[in-house]
Amino acid sequence: MSSLIWFIAIIAMIPVALWLLKRTPMGGGGAGQGMLRSIAALPLSTNQRIVTVEVGQGEARRWLVLGVTAQSITTLHTMEPQGELPAAPMAPAVPGFAQLLGKFRQDRGNDGR
């Protein structure tokens, strides 16, 4: 009977441990504190893009212009922040499946079929 109680206790502690880990810097909880922010992205091809990110806080803030491929990330340029940008989410570089399907359906509907 005591082994059943221990089993239930361990199963109950798993979500608690995951919740605690999520809120610690080791578990990635510290990453959302403004240390890294995406500024812009420019797709060059399906697997290449230029991305501008802001790193640091306060006077130590810098913008990094990065070349991103499937194999590597290369720093192309480092510069001072260029003013405050609104924290709007970036548009996806490639339209999603739902947008492509909707466009396809509109095109098919306009053919008169």
Protein backbone atom coordinates (compact mmCIF):
# COMPACT_ATOMS: atom_id res chain seq x y z
CA MET A 1 0.00 0.00 0.00
CA SER A 2 2.83 2.42 0.77
CA SER A 3 4.35 1.94 -2.70
CA LEU A 4 1.01 3.00 -4.25
CA ILE A 5 1.03 6.18 -2.14
CA TRP A 6 4.62 6.95 -3.21
CA PHE A 7 3.69 6.36 -6.86
CA ILE A 8 0.73 8.77 -6.62
CA ALA A 9 2.90 11.36 -4.82
CA ILE A 10 5.58 11.21 -7.54
CA ILE A 11 3.00 11.52 -10.31
CA ALA A 12 1.48 14.53 -8.52
CA MET A 13 4.91 16.18 -8.14
CA ILE A 14 5.71 16.09 -11.88
CA PRO A 15 3.41 19.02 -12.86
CA VAL A 16 4.59 20.98 -9.81
CA ALA A 17 8.25 20.44 -10.76
CA LEU A 18 7.57 21.49 -14.36
CA TRP A 19 5.74 24.61 -13.19
CA LEU A 20 8.66 25.56 -10.94
CA LEU A 21 11.23 24.85 -13.65
CA LYS A 22 9.36 27.06 -16.08
CA ARG A 23 9.71 30.01 -13.72
CA THR A 24 13.44 29.72 -13.07
CA PRO A 25 16.21 31.15 -15.26
CA MET A 26 17.53 27.63 -15.83
CA GLY A 27 14.20 26.61 -17.33
CA GLY A 28 13.98 29.60 -19.65
CA GLY A 29 11.81 31.74 -17.39
CA GLY A 30 14.36 34.56 -17.41
CA ALA A 31 14.37 34.89 -21.22
CA GLY A 32 11.17 36.92 -21.28
CA GLN A 33 12.64 39.71 -19.17
CA GLY A 34 13.55 41.95 -22.13
CA MET A 35 17.08 40.71 -22.75
CA LEU A 36 16.34 39.75 -26.38
CA ARG A 37 13.74 41.23 -28.71
CA SER A 38 13.16 40.65 -32.41
CA ILE A 39 13.00 43.94 -34.35
CA ALA A 40 12.61 42.94 -38.01
CA ALA A 41 13.06 40.06 -40.44
CA LEU A 42 13.62 40.11 -44.18
CA PRO A 43 13.28 36.77 -46.00
CA LEU A 44 15.77 36.37 -48.83
CA SER A 45 14.79 32.83 -49.83
CA THR A 46 13.01 29.88 -48.24
CA ASN A 47 15.92 29.14 -45.90
CA GLN A 48 17.80 32.46 -45.77
CA ARG A 49 16.83 35.68 -44.04
CA ILE A 50 18.24 38.81 -42.48
CA VAL A 51 17.05 39.39 -38.92
CA THR A 52 17.54 42.39 -36.65
CA VAL A 53 17.41 41.67 -32.91
CA GLU A 54 17.87 43.87 -29.86
CA VAL A 55 20.02 42.51 -27.07
CA GLY A 56 20.75 43.91 -23.62
CA GLN A 57 19.01 46.50 -21.49
CA GLY A 58 19.40 50.20 -20.78
CA GLU A 59 22.65 51.76 -22.00
CA ALA A 60 24.03 48.35 -22.98
CA ARG A 61 21.33 47.80 -25.63
CA ARG A 62 22.57 46.94 -29.11
CA TRP A 63 20.94 45.93 -32.36
CA LEU A 64 22.47 42.96 -34.15
CA VAL A 65 21.86 42.40 -37.85
CA LEU A 66 22.11 38.66 -38.38
CA GLY A 67 22.30 36.53 -41.49
CA VAL A 68 20.33 33.36 -40.78
CA THR A 69 20.53 30.18 -42.85
CA ALA A 70 19.64 26.58 -42.09
CA GLN A 71 23.27 25.87 -41.21
CA SER A 72 24.44 29.01 -39.39
CA ILE A 73 23.76 32.41 -37.91
CA THR A 74 26.30 35.14 -38.77
CA THR A 75 26.55 38.63 -37.28
CA LEU A 76 26.57 41.04 -40.23
CA HIS A 77 26.52 44.35 -38.31
CA THR A 78 26.21 45.75 -34.78
CA MET A 79 24.65 49.18 -34.22
CA GLU A 80 23.05 51.49 -31.68
CA PRO A 81 19.24 51.17 -31.30
CA GLN A 82 17.43 53.33 -33.85
CA GLY A 83 14.68 54.67 -31.58
CA GLU A 84 11.72 52.93 -30.01
CA LEU A 85 9.64 50.69 -32.22
CA PRO A 86 6.14 49.53 -31.30
CA ALA A 87 6.11 46.02 -29.90
CA ALA A 88 3.90 44.70 -32.70
CA PRO A 89 4.25 41.07 -33.72
CA MET A 90 6.08 40.53 -36.98
CA ALA A 91 4.14 39.20 -39.95
CA PRO A 92 5.10 35.70 -40.99
CA ALA A 93 7.63 35.63 -43.84
CA VAL A 94 5.72 32.90 -45.69
CA PRO A 95 1.91 32.81 -45.80
CA GLY A 96 0.40 30.04 -43.74
CA PHE A 97 -1.51 27.09 -45.08
CA ALA A 98 -4.86 28.67 -44.16
CA GLN A 99 -4.10 31.82 -46.20
CA LEU A 100 -2.95 29.78 -49.21
CA LEU A 101 -6.05 27.56 -49.03
CA GLY A 102 -8.35 30.59 -48.75
CA LYS A 103 -6.68 32.24 -51.75
CA PHE A 104 -6.97 29.00 -53.72
CA ARG A 105 -10.67 28.71 -52.88
CA GLN A 106 -11.29 32.34 -53.91
CA ASP A 107 -9.49 31.78 -57.20
CA ARG A 108 -11.51 28.62 -57.85
CA GLY A 109 -14.75 30.44 -56.97
CA ASN A 110 -14.01 33.24 -59.44
CA ASP A 111 -13.54 30.75 -62.30
CA GLY A 112 -17.27 30.08 -62.29
CA ARG A 113 -17.04 26.34 -61.62
